């Protein structure tokens, strides 16, 4: 699952022409949090909600996409 979230975030950044700092800002998280997520650290529920909301999906949809 960890590599999938990294690839999902990378694809989103590439689609929208965003740097990592801009991506973090877009999702409403700090760059350190984004770095940790991309390195495989677990995210808390609030962060997952922010990411899912920005992607326009539910938490369930995000979870299923990462399985």
Protein backbone atom coordinates (compact mmCIF):
# COMPACT_ATOMS: atom_id res chain seq x y z
CA UNK A 1 0.00 0.00 0.00
CA UNK A 2 2.82 2.44 0.84
CA UNK A 3 4.23 2.47 -2.68
CA UNK A 4 0.75 2.92 -4.13
CA UNK A 5 0.09 6.14 -2.22
CA UNK A 6 3.46 7.47 -3.36
CA UNK A 7 2.65 6.65 -6.98
CA UNK A 8 -0.84 8.14 -6.63
CA UNK A 9 0.55 11.39 -5.25
CA UNK A 10 3.28 11.49 -7.88
CA UNK A 11 0.74 10.99 -10.67
CA UNK A 12 -1.43 13.79 -9.26
CA UNK A 13 1.57 16.13 -9.06
CA UNK A 14 2.61 15.31 -12.61
CA UNK A 15 -0.93 15.76 -13.99
CA UNK A 16 -1.19 19.17 -12.40
CA UNK A 17 2.43 20.27 -12.91
CA UNK A 18 3.08 20.64 -9.19
CA UNK A 19 6.31 20.56 -7.23
CA UNK A 20 6.36 18.60 -3.98
CA UNK A 21 5.92 21.83 -1.99
CA UNK A 22 2.98 22.85 -4.15
CA UNK A 23 1.50 19.36 -3.85
CA UNK A 24 1.70 19.51 -0.06
CA UNK A 25 0.05 22.92 -0.12
CA UNK A 26 -2.65 21.64 -2.49
CA UNK A 27 -3.49 18.85 -0.03
CA UNK A 28 -3.29 21.11 3.01
CA UNK A 29 -0.40 19.25 4.60
CA UNK A 30 3.18 20.26 5.38
CA UNK A 31 6.00 19.14 3.11
CA UNK A 32 7.49 16.99 5.87
CA UNK A 33 4.21 15.07 6.15
CA UNK A 34 4.15 14.56 2.39
CA UNK A 35 7.76 13.38 2.46
CA UNK A 36 6.97 10.90 5.25
CA UNK A 37 3.93 9.54 3.41
CA UNK A 38 5.95 9.11 0.22
CA UNK A 39 8.66 7.28 2.19
CA UNK A 40 6.12 4.77 3.48
CA UNK A 41 5.23 6.16 6.89
CA UNK A 42 1.62 5.83 7.94
CA UNK A 43 -0.63 8.84 7.77
CA UNK A 44 -3.25 9.75 10.31
CA UNK A 45 -6.95 9.83 9.53
CA UNK A 46 -7.06 13.63 9.21
CA UNK A 47 -4.32 13.57 6.58
CA UNK A 48 -6.01 10.73 4.71
CA UNK A 49 -9.23 12.75 4.73
CA UNK A 50 -7.47 15.85 3.34
CA UNK A 51 -5.92 13.81 0.53
CA UNK A 52 -9.15 12.00 -0.29
CA UNK A 53 -11.10 15.26 -0.30
CA UNK A 54 -8.66 16.92 -2.68
CA UNK A 55 -8.76 13.88 -4.97
CA UNK A 56 -12.56 14.05 -4.90
CA UNK A 57 -13.00 10.58 -3.44
CA UNK A 58 -14.22 9.15 -0.16
CA UNK A 59 -11.89 7.65 2.42
CA UNK A 60 -13.29 4.24 1.47
CA UNK A 61 -12.47 4.88 -2.19
CA UNK A 62 -8.94 5.99 -1.28
CA UNK A 63 -8.42 2.93 0.89
CA UNK A 64 -9.69 0.58 -1.83
CA UNK A 65 -7.48 2.23 -4.44
CA UNK A 66 -4.46 1.59 -2.26
CA UNK A 67 -5.14 -2.10 -1.73
